[in-house]
């Protein structure tokens, strides 16, 4: 990675003892040195595995949810003087080479603030139900907040320091993914999506969102929009 920029990877993790170590190892192979794992109240050995890998580890006493973990991780990255902040999943769904490509694009660009890795630009290999739900989430995010991103639920995001400082995360659960898109629009941040290939395994599919969560997230987003 370019030595002139400090790139910090933020990995929210809940009960990911089986994969988080491999995710860290694979990221290091691609040259990423500064890695933060946020153990979100796991009941397995996620915390132990992360500490053994000698990365920065922050731990929640209770499970707060994806939004809470991302908020902790991004805040910690900013405190650690990150120039570029990357969020990625702990289940091995994102290819480190895609992460590196996204980071390099943001660093080389003069007119971008955020890069989002989209699994829906080329959705080959993505389970049909996941395609439908993710596209539905993108449509509703546009209707509610006026900004369209093909894959609002993507966990792979790259932020400049300035962009990360402007984004306010107020939700704790899964609706944070759409909230981040709302914040990108609210702050008029310059965003670009790039195609990525999600790595689906039996493990990642079992760990992923249930279809019923879509309606819970939608309800919370509508409620949040009405309250505004």
Protein backbone atom coordinates (compact mmCIF):
# COMPACT_ATOMS: atom_id res chain seq x y z
CA UNK A 1 0.00 0.00 0.00
CA UNK A 2 1.17 3.59 -0.64
CA UNK A 3 3.35 4.69 2.28
CA UNK A 4 2.10 8.27 2.07
CA UNK A 5 -1.39 7.29 3.24
CA UNK A 6 -2.33 5.47 6.42
CA UNK A 7 -4.99 2.91 5.55
CA UNK A 8 -6.93 1.41 8.45
CA UNK A 9 -9.19 -1.61 8.00
CA UNK A 10 -12.23 -1.86 10.30
CA UNK A 11 -13.73 -5.32 10.78
CA UNK A 12 -16.95 -5.58 12.83
CA UNK A 13 -17.15 -9.11 14.21
CA UNK A 14 -19.82 -11.05 16.08
CA UNK A 15 -19.19 -14.75 16.75
CA UNK A 16 -16.66 -15.01 13.92
CA UNK A 17 -13.98 -17.17 15.59
CA UNK A 18 -13.90 -19.51 12.58
CA UNK A 19 -13.07 -16.88 9.96
CA UNK A 20 -11.77 -13.65 11.50
CA UNK A 21 -8.21 -14.97 11.82
CA UNK A 22 -8.07 -15.97 8.15
CA UNK A 23 -9.56 -12.62 7.11
CA UNK A 24 -6.78 -10.83 9.01
CA UNK A 25 -4.08 -13.07 7.51
CA UNK A 26 -5.38 -12.55 3.97
CA UNK A 27 -5.49 -8.77 4.42
CA UNK A 28 -1.89 -8.75 5.64
CA UNK A 29 -0.83 -10.71 2.57
CA UNK A 30 -2.18 -7.82 0.47
CA UNK A 31 -0.09 -5.34 2.43
CA UNK A 32 -2.60 -4.01 4.96
CA UNK A 33 -0.91 -3.46 8.31
CA UNK A 34 -3.32 -1.37 10.37
CA UNK A 35 -6.34 -3.49 11.19
CA UNK A 36 -9.04 -2.88 13.80
CA UNK A 37 -11.38 -5.67 14.90
CA UNK A 38 -14.47 -4.66 16.86
CA UNK A 39 -15.66 -7.66 18.83
CA UNK A 40 -19.37 -6.92 19.23
CA UNK A 41 -20.13 -8.86 22.39
CA UNK A 42 -19.28 -12.26 20.92
CA UNK A 43 -20.01 -15.37 22.96
CA UNK A 44 -17.35 -17.47 21.20
CA UNK A 45 -13.56 -16.97 20.90
CA UNK A 46 -13.67 -14.10 18.39
CA UNK A 47 -11.97 -11.76 20.88
CA UNK A 48 -9.25 -14.30 21.70
CA UNK A 49 -8.49 -15.02 18.04
CA UNK A 50 -8.28 -11.31 17.16
CA UNK A 51 -5.93 -10.59 20.07
CA UNK A 52 -3.69 -13.49 19.05
CA UNK A 53 -3.34 -11.89 15.60
CA UNK A 54 -1.85 -8.74 17.18
CA UNK A 55 -4.31 -6.29 15.64
CA UNK A 56 -6.06 -3.39 17.34
CA UNK A 57 -9.04 -4.87 19.19
CA UNK A 58 -12.03 -3.05 20.65
CA UNK A 59 -14.65 -5.04 22.52
CA UNK A 60 -18.28 -4.38 23.37
CA UNK A 61 -19.48 -5.92 26.63
CA UNK A 62 -22.85 -6.60 24.99
CA UNK A 63 -23.90 -7.15 21.40
CA UNK A 64 -24.83 -3.71 20.07
CA UNK A 65 -25.26 -4.63 16.41
CA UNK A 66 -23.52 -3.80 13.16
CA UNK A 67 -24.13 -0.06 13.46
CA UNK A 68 -22.67 0.08 16.95
CA UNK A 69 -19.61 -1.91 15.87
CA UNK A 70 -19.00 0.25 12.79
CA UNK A 71 -19.35 3.42 14.83
CA UNK A 72 -16.76 2.17 17.33
CA UNK A 73 -14.40 1.02 14.59
CA UNK A 74 -14.58 4.14 12.44
CA UNK A 75 -14.15 6.39 15.50
CA UNK A 76 -11.13 4.33 16.56
CA UNK A 77 -9.61 4.57 13.07
CA UNK A 78 -9.97 8.35 13.12
CA UNK A 79 -8.35 8.50 16.57
CA UNK A 80 -5.50 6.45 15.12
CA UNK A 81 -4.99 9.16 12.48
CA UNK A 82 -6.21 7.15 9.48
CA UNK A 83 -6.13 8.84 6.06
CA UNK A 84 -8.26 6.10 4.50
CA UNK A 85 -10.79 3.95 6.37
CA UNK A 86 -12.06 0.65 5.00
CA UNK A 87 -14.93 -1.41 6.36
CA UNK A 88 -15.17 -5.09 5.47
CA UNK A 89 -16.96 -8.17 6.75
CA UNK A 90 -15.44 -10.74 9.11
CA UNK A 91 -16.91 -13.79 7.37
CA UNK A 92 -14.48 -13.86 4.43
CA UNK A 93 -17.03 -12.59 1.93
CA UNK A 94 -14.74 -9.91 0.48
CA UNK A 95 -11.68 -10.66 -1.61
CA UNK A 96 -8.63 -8.75 -0.30
CA UNK A 97 -7.62 -7.96 -3.89
CA UNK A 98 -10.96 -6.15 -4.37
CA UNK A 99 -10.33 -4.21 -1.16
CA UNK A 100 -6.86 -3.21 -2.36
CA UNK A 101 -8.24 -2.16 -5.74
CA UNK A 102 -10.89 0.02 -4.08
CA UNK A 103 -8.32 1.66 -1.80
CA UNK A 104 -5.94 2.36 -4.66
CA UNK A 105 -8.76 3.94 -6.68
CA UNK A 106 -9.69 6.31 -3.85
CA UNK A 107 -6.07 7.26 -3.22
CA UNK A 108 -5.39 7.96 -6.89
CA UNK A 109 -8.63 9.90 -7.44
CA UNK A 110 -8.91 13.65 -6.92
CA UNK A 111 -12.70 13.79 -7.12
CA UNK A 112 -13.95 10.91 -4.95
CA UNK A 113 -14.73 10.69 -1.24
CA UNK A 114 -16.19 7.18 -0.96
CA UNK A 115 -15.83 3.90 -2.84
CA UNK A 116 -18.43 1.15 -2.40
CA UNK A 117 -17.88 -2.39 -3.58
CA UNK A 118 -21.04 -3.52 -5.36
CA UNK A 119 -21.97 -7.17 -5.67
CA UNK A 120 -24.87 -6.25 -7.95
CA UNK A 121 -23.04 -4.63 -10.85
CA UNK A 122 -22.10 -8.18 -11.75
CA UNK A 123 -24.24 -10.43 -9.56
CA UNK A 124 -23.22 -13.76 -11.07
CA UNK A 125 -23.05 -16.35 -8.32
CA UNK A 126 -25.13 -14.33 -5.90
CA UNK A 127 -28.12 -16.28 -4.49
CA UNK A 128 -31.37 -15.18 -6.12
CA UNK A 129 -33.09 -14.19 -2.87
CA UNK A 130 -30.09 -12.07 -1.88
CA UNK A 131 -30.29 -10.27 -5.23
CA UNK A 132 -33.98 -9.51 -4.77
CA UNK A 133 -33.63 -8.29 -1.19
CA UNK A 134 -30.55 -6.17 -1.90
CA UNK A 135 -32.14 -4.57 -4.93
CA UNK A 136 -35.26 -3.91 -2.86
CA UNK A 137 -33.14 -2.25 -0.17
CA UNK A 138 -31.52 -0.03 -2.79
CA UNK A 139 -34.89 1.05 -4.19
CA UNK A 140 -36.30 1.87 -0.75
CA UNK A 141 -33.14 3.74 0.22
CA UNK A 142 -33.58 5.91 -2.85
CA UNK A 143 -37.25 6.52 -2.12
CA UNK A 144 -36.55 7.44 1.50
CA UNK A 145 -33.33 9.40 1.15
CA UNK A 146 -33.03 10.39 -2.52
CA UNK A 147 -29.77 8.62 -3.36
CA UNK A 148 -29.41 5.45 -5.42
CA UNK A 149 -26.64 2.93 -4.90
CA UNK A 150 -26.90 -0.48 -6.53
CA UNK A 151 -25.72 -2.32 -3.42
CA UNK A 152 -26.63 -0.35 -0.30
CA UNK A 153 -26.02 -3.37 1.93
CA UNK A 154 -22.44 -3.94 0.85
CA UNK A 155 -20.03 -4.22 3.76
CA UNK A 156 -17.06 -3.13 1.64
CA UNK A 157 -16.71 0.63 1.84
CA UNK A 158 -13.69 2.92 1.56
CA UNK A 159 -13.81 6.42 3.02
CA UNK A 160 -11.43 9.34 2.94
CA UNK A 161 -10.72 10.81 6.37
CA UNK A 162 -12.85 13.87 5.59
CA UNK A 163 -15.78 11.70 4.47
CA UNK A 164 -15.59 9.48 7.56
CA UNK A 165 -15.60 12.54 9.82
CA UNK A 166 -18.79 13.83 8.22
CA UNK A 167 -20.78 10.59 8.43
CA UNK A 168 -22.91 10.35 11.57
CA UNK A 169 -23.94 6.86 12.59
CA UNK A 170 -26.90 6.92 14.95
CA UNK A 171 -28.36 3.45 14.44
CA UNK A 172 -27.02 0.31 16.09
CA UNK A 173 -28.40 -2.50 13.98
CA UNK A 174 -28.40 -3.63 10.33
CA UNK A 175 -30.13 -0.47 9.08
CA UNK A 176 -26.75 1.25 9.41
CA UNK A 177 -25.90 0.24 5.84
CA UNK A 178 -28.72 2.36 4.43
CA UNK A 179 -27.99 5.08 7.00
CA UNK A 180 -24.46 5.39 5.63
CA UNK A 181 -25.87 5.88 2.13
CA UNK A 182 -28.21 8.55 3.51
CA UNK A 183 -25.23 10.29 5.08
CA UNK A 184 -23.32 10.18 1.81
CA UNK A 185 -26.23 11.98 0.16
CA UNK A 186 -26.77 14.43 3.02
CA UNK A 187 -23.15 15.51 2.96
CA UNK A 188 -22.99 15.52 -0.85
CA UNK A 189 -20.02 13.19 -0.80
CA UNK A 190 -18.64 12.06 -4.13
CA UNK A 191 -19.19 8.32 -4.37
CA UNK A 192 -18.35 5.64 -6.91
CA UNK A 193 -19.28 1.97 -6.99
CA UNK A 194 -16.93 -0.65 -8.33
CA UNK A 195 -17.86 -4.25 -9.13
CA UNK A 196 -16.70 -6.86 -6.65
CA UNK A 197 -17.27 -10.55 -6.38
CA UNK A 198 -18.77 -11.71 -3.10
CA UNK A 199 -17.34 -14.99 -1.88
CA UNK A 200 -20.33 -17.09 -0.83
CA UNK A 201 -19.72 -20.21 1.22
CA UNK A 202 -22.01 -22.31 3.38
CA UNK A 203 -20.54 -20.46 6.34
CA UNK A 204 -21.09 -16.94 5.01
CA UNK A 205 -24.61 -17.77 3.83
CA UNK A 206 -25.48 -19.17 7.26
CA UNK A 207 -24.05 -16.05 8.93
CA UNK A 208 -25.75 -13.60 6.58
CA UNK A 209 -28.93 -11.63 7.11
CA UNK A 210 -32.18 -13.55 7.23
CA UNK A 211 -34.83 -12.48 4.74
CA UNK A 212 -37.11 -11.40 7.58
CA UNK A 213 -34.51 -8.82 8.64
CA UNK A 214 -35.23 -6.91 5.43
CA UNK A 215 -38.66 -5.92 6.68
CA UNK A 216 -37.33 -5.00 10.13
CA UNK A 217 -34.70 -2.77 8.55
CA UNK A 218 -37.28 -1.19 6.24
CA UNK A 219 -39.59 -0.45 9.16
CA UNK A 220 -36.80 1.23 11.12
CA UNK A 221 -35.72 3.30 8.10
CA UNK A 222 -39.28 4.50 7.48
CA UNK A 223 -39.67 5.36 11.16
CA UNK A 224 -36.38 7.24 11.10
CA UNK A 225 -37.44 9.16 7.99
CA UNK A 226 -40.80 10.12 9.55
CA UNK A 227 -39.14 11.28 12.77
CA UNK A 228 -36.92 13.61 10.74
